[in-house]
Amino acid sequence: MTQMNQLEAWLAQEREVRAALDAGVGAGVAKPEQLAGKSGLEMMQAMLRGELPYPPIAQTLDFTLMEVDAGRAMFQGTPGPAHLNPMGTIHGGWYATLLDSALGCAVHTMMPAGRGYTTAELGVNLVRAIGAKAPRVRAEGKVIHCGRQLATAEARLYGPDGTLYAHATTTCLVFELPPQR
């Protein structure tokens, strides 16, 4: 598939996902009663269907959750003028946040109901500047290991032509969530 065809496919999928999100409850934070009894994968799938709110940071940084499966999460983002650093290039924090979202959500899909996680370590390697030839990029996170106390994952940030822009790893602490009253 050519880069243009790949980009067109990405944009078509983005329109579908955003239509579901826009028809749903919008940006915000889910209430504990909305999450009760749901696994992490069930939560993420409900978010994609617009049944649960998606995080407001997705609007701020112009990225969207595109797909989730057990142990995997994919985001698509639009780097733009709002994300520039003083040198006129995309700020490294934008790369890191998009990768951290893919990593964390991949881990989240592995959480059974009543279990949570938090990032303990995030390592990001920027290997190429995102330029005008990449109007969209994707961050795909995959779980490497998910145990009772620790989870690890890796992610890649790439363009529609397959160009790698950054890669990252994470270690997350896994724990029991306190009971909701």
Protein backbone atom coordinates (compact mmCIF):
# COMPACT_ATOMS: atom_id res chain seq x y z
CA MET A 1 0.00 0.00 0.00
CA THR A 2 1.40 3.43 -0.89
CA GLN A 3 1.93 6.07 1.76
CA MET A 4 -1.01 8.09 0.38
CA ASN A 5 -3.31 5.06 0.43
CA GLN A 6 -2.13 4.20 3.96
CA LEU A 7 -2.78 7.77 5.12
CA GLU A 8 -6.24 7.70 3.53
CA ALA A 9 -7.01 4.43 5.36
CA TRP A 10 -5.79 5.94 8.64
CA LEU A 11 -7.94 9.05 8.13
CA ALA A 12 -11.02 6.95 7.28
CA GLN A 13 -10.57 4.90 10.44
CA GLU A 14 -10.07 8.10 12.45
CA ARG A 15 -13.35 9.54 11.10
CA GLU A 16 -15.18 6.37 12.20
CA VAL A 17 -13.68 6.39 15.68
CA ARG A 18 -14.24 10.11 16.19
CA ALA A 19 -17.86 9.79 15.05
CA ALA A 20 -18.46 7.18 17.79
CA LEU A 21 -16.66 9.34 20.36
CA ASP A 22 -18.54 12.49 19.31
CA ALA A 23 -21.89 10.65 19.47
CA GLY A 24 -21.01 9.35 22.93
CA VAL A 25 -20.52 11.02 26.28
CA GLY A 26 -17.47 13.07 25.21
CA ALA A 27 -14.35 13.97 27.12
CA GLY A 28 -14.18 13.64 30.88
CA VAL A 29 -13.50 11.17 33.66
CA ALA A 30 -15.71 8.14 34.28
CA LYS A 31 -17.46 7.82 37.61
CA PRO A 32 -16.57 4.83 39.82
CA GLU A 33 -20.04 3.33 39.36
CA GLN A 34 -19.52 3.37 35.56
CA LEU A 35 -16.34 1.32 35.97
CA ALA A 36 -17.48 -1.11 38.67
CA GLY A 37 -17.02 -4.74 37.67
CA LYS A 38 -15.37 -3.93 34.34
CA SER A 39 -11.97 -5.21 33.30
CA GLY A 40 -9.50 -2.79 31.77
CA LEU A 41 -10.21 -4.16 28.30
CA GLU A 42 -13.97 -3.74 28.82
CA MET A 43 -13.39 -0.13 29.94
CA MET A 44 -11.26 0.68 26.91
CA GLN A 45 -13.75 -0.95 24.52
CA ALA A 46 -16.61 1.01 26.13
CA MET A 47 -14.60 4.21 25.70
CA LEU A 48 -14.13 3.46 21.98
CA ARG A 49 -17.89 2.93 21.62
CA GLY A 50 -18.55 6.31 23.26
CA GLU A 51 -20.18 4.72 26.33
CA LEU A 52 -17.49 6.01 28.71
CA PRO A 53 -15.77 9.40 28.53
CA TYR A 54 -12.38 9.62 26.89
CA PRO A 55 -9.58 11.55 28.64
CA PRO A 56 -9.57 15.33 28.03
CA ILE A 57 -5.82 15.25 27.27
CA ALA A 58 -6.73 13.64 23.95
CA GLN A 59 -8.34 16.93 22.92
CA THR A 60 -5.50 19.05 24.29
CA LEU A 61 -2.80 17.12 22.41
CA ASP A 62 -4.93 16.14 19.37
CA PHE A 63 -4.69 12.35 19.55
CA THR A 64 -7.27 9.58 19.54
CA LEU A 65 -7.46 6.03 20.82
CA MET A 66 -7.98 3.99 17.65
CA GLU A 67 -7.88 0.31 18.63
CA VAL A 68 -7.58 -1.91 21.68
CA ASP A 69 -7.11 -5.64 22.13
CA ALA A 70 -5.84 -7.66 25.05
CA GLY A 71 -2.30 -6.42 25.62
CA ARG A 72 -2.39 -3.83 22.82
CA ALA A 73 -3.49 -0.22 22.33
CA MET A 74 -3.08 2.06 19.32
CA PHE A 75 -3.38 5.84 19.25
CA GLN A 76 -3.28 8.18 16.29
CA GLY A 77 -2.14 11.77 16.63
CA THR A 78 -1.86 14.96 14.66
CA PRO A 79 1.33 16.88 15.45
CA GLY A 80 0.71 20.54 14.79
CA PRO A 81 1.65 24.15 15.54
CA ALA A 82 0.25 23.93 19.08
CA HIS A 83 2.86 21.24 19.84
CA LEU A 84 5.97 23.12 18.69
CA ASN A 85 8.95 23.81 20.91
CA PRO A 86 11.00 27.04 20.71
CA MET A 87 13.09 25.55 17.89
CA GLY A 88 9.99 25.07 15.73
CA THR A 89 9.88 21.27 15.93
CA ILE A 90 7.39 18.98 17.66
CA HIS A 91 8.07 19.02 21.39
CA GLY A 92 9.50 15.80 22.81
CA GLY A 93 6.78 15.85 25.47
CA TRP A 94 4.17 15.34 22.74
CA TYR A 95 5.99 12.22 21.53
CA ALA A 96 6.35 11.00 25.13
CA THR A 97 2.71 11.58 26.03
CA LEU A 98 1.43 9.79 22.95
CA LEU A 99 3.76 6.84 23.59
CA ASP A 100 2.93 6.80 27.32
CA SER A 101 -0.77 6.67 26.46
CA ALA A 102 -0.27 3.68 24.16
CA LEU A 103 1.91 1.92 26.74
CA GLY A 104 -0.39 2.57 29.67
CA CYS A 105 -3.56 1.65 27.83
CA ALA A 106 -1.97 -1.58 26.58
CA VAL A 107 -1.25 -2.45 30.22
CA HIS A 108 -4.75 -1.29 31.19
CA THR A 109 -6.28 -3.86 28.83
CA MET A 110 -4.68 -6.61 30.91
CA MET A 111 -6.18 -5.48 34.23
CA PRO A 112 -8.99 -7.62 35.63
CA ALA A 113 -11.83 -5.84 37.43
CA GLY A 114 -10.59 -4.41 40.71
CA ARG A 115 -6.94 -4.08 39.63
CA GLY A 116 -5.13 -0.90 38.63
CA TYR A 117 -1.66 0.26 37.65
CA THR A 118 0.55 3.30 37.60
CA THR A 119 3.64 4.12 35.58
CA ALA A 120 6.81 3.58 37.59
CA GLU A 121 9.28 4.13 34.73
CA LEU A 122 9.03 5.53 31.22
CA GLY A 123 11.90 5.49 28.74
CA VAL A 124 11.52 7.32 25.43
CA ASN A 125 13.93 7.39 22.50
CA LEU A 126 13.30 10.02 19.82
CA VAL A 127 14.97 8.84 16.62
CA ARG A 128 13.65 11.25 14.00
CA ALA A 129 11.87 14.61 13.90
CA ILE A 130 8.25 14.48 12.76
CA GLY A 131 8.07 16.67 9.68
CA ALA A 132 5.39 17.82 7.26
CA LYS A 133 5.41 14.45 5.46
CA ALA A 134 3.71 12.87 8.50
CA PRO A 135 0.36 14.62 8.99
CA ARG A 136 -0.61 11.72 11.27
CA VAL A 137 1.44 9.34 13.36
CA ARG A 138 0.50 6.21 15.25
CA ALA A 139 1.72 4.98 18.61
CA GLU A 140 1.22 1.26 19.13
CA GLY A 141 1.81 -0.18 22.57
CA LYS A 142 2.17 -3.88 23.34
CA VAL A 143 2.47 -5.61 26.70
CA ILE A 144 5.63 -7.66 27.16
CA HIS A 145 4.81 -8.99 30.64
CA CYS A 146 1.89 -8.52 33.00
CA GLY A 147 2.21 -10.04 36.44
CA ARG A 148 0.58 -9.59 39.79
CA GLN A 149 2.83 -6.67 40.81
CA LEU A 150 4.64 -5.47 37.66
CA ALA A 151 3.81 -5.00 34.01
CA THR A 152 6.15 -4.01 31.18
CA ALA A 153 5.31 -2.80 27.69
CA GLU A 154 6.94 -1.37 24.58
CA ALA A 155 5.65 1.07 21.96
CA ARG A 156 6.63 2.48 18.59
CA LEU A 157 5.65 5.83 17.07
CA TYR A 158 5.56 5.70 13.26
CA GLY A 159 4.16 7.41 10.20
CA PRO A 160 1.94 6.08 7.39
CA ASP A 161 5.04 5.22 5.34
CA GLY A 162 6.41 3.11 8.21
CA THR A 163 9.04 5.66 9.26
CA LEU A 164 9.96 5.19 12.92
CA TYR A 165 9.97 8.47 14.87
CA ALA A 166 10.34 7.18 18.43
CA HIS A 167 10.09 4.11 20.60
CA ALA A 168 9.50 3.65 24.31
CA THR A 169 9.27 1.20 27.18
CA THR A 170 7.50 1.29 30.51
CA THR A 171 7.40 -0.52 33.81
CA CYS A 172 4.12 -0.23 35.68
CA LEU A 173 3.24 -1.13 39.26
CA VAL A 174 0.08 -3.28 39.44
CA PHE A 175 -2.13 -3.19 42.53
CA GLU A 176 -5.58 -3.85 44.00
CA LEU A 177 -7.90 -0.86 43.71
CA PRO A 178 -9.51 0.26 46.96
CA PRO A 179 -13.17 -0.77 47.24
CA GLN A 180 -15.69 1.86 46.15
CA ARG A 181 -18.18 2.97 48.77
